Amino acid sequence: MGGLAECHGHIFMNGQDYRAAAALHRNGPVESDVRAHLAACRDAGITYFRDGGDAWGVSLLAARLAGEYGIRYATPAFAIHRQGRYGSIVGHGYGDLKEYRALVAQAKAAGADFIKLMFSGVLDCVRYGGVSCPPLPGAEIREIVHIAHQEGFPVMAHVNGPQAIRDALEAGTDSIEHGFYMAPDCAKALGSTIWVPTHAAIHAFLGRPGFSDQVVSQALAEQAERLRQAAASGGTIAAGSDSGAVGVPHGAGLLQERALLEEILGGTEVLAQGDRALMERFCPRR
């Protein structure tokens, strides 16, 4: 199948207001909204969409409908986070490994194609280098990745910050999402891990009231350098915009992500290879 790959998106979000999107689907997925977002993706030339999950079954509905729009759709059903840490906006939390195993089983029963894990918080766009909450300990990251792999699932992981990224790579995480504040040696040694930088989602903070353009610009510049280092070292980079996030509309968000990454990487070849690798690893199971 030709076309573009949106390697990280949230079909339940609307690109404008997370709370409104969550409220819309809180009592069950609203099909008309899902169809509108799938149509926007189709109209932008997207033929593969990897969802980052939600707590209300929206991505599972989208997976059932996507074929009508010519889109192969992969979903984790919901993301999994440690209770008290970042992640409730896209899934469910666990308190211990027994509860974590139960959530993996729940995702499997729901028809998940992979497991989505939350290793860290989001960027603090006021304080350079800041992340919204402490990362999971390295030992826990290794264990939860191992459990997901034992169940036959590839792992997509939300992760920012140098230590959490290092731990994710050492655990054999299949894809790291965002990856801001990655250490240079990690960028040069991604190994089999695919990096989906979601550059457009942070770029969308520029000019937004309440945030620092200086901090955002500095974070983007540092990530651009790490992307060039990763590409020069043979790392695998795929294009995912975090579509649905504020300022990142479905369809148009991916086009902006690709334009940003192509400028950073000096062309389309790296992304073409990365998108193919990601689609092969995160195949829909239905």
Foldseek 3Di string as FASTA:
>chain_A
DDFAAAEEAALLFAQADLVVSCVVAVVHADVVSSVVLLLLQLVLRAAEYEYLAAAHQNLVVNCVVNVVSNHFYAYLNFAEEDPPFPGNGGHDYDPDVVRLLVVLVVSVVSQHLAYEYEFFADDQQADAQDGPDDGDDLVVLLVSCVSRVVVVHAYEYEDEHAVSLVSCQVSVHQEYEQHFHHDLVCLLPSDNHEYANLLLLLVQCQPPPPGDNVNSVVRSVVVLVSPQNNVVNVHQYEYHNHDSHHNQHRSVSSVVSQVVNCVSNVHCPRHVVNSVSSCVRRGRPD
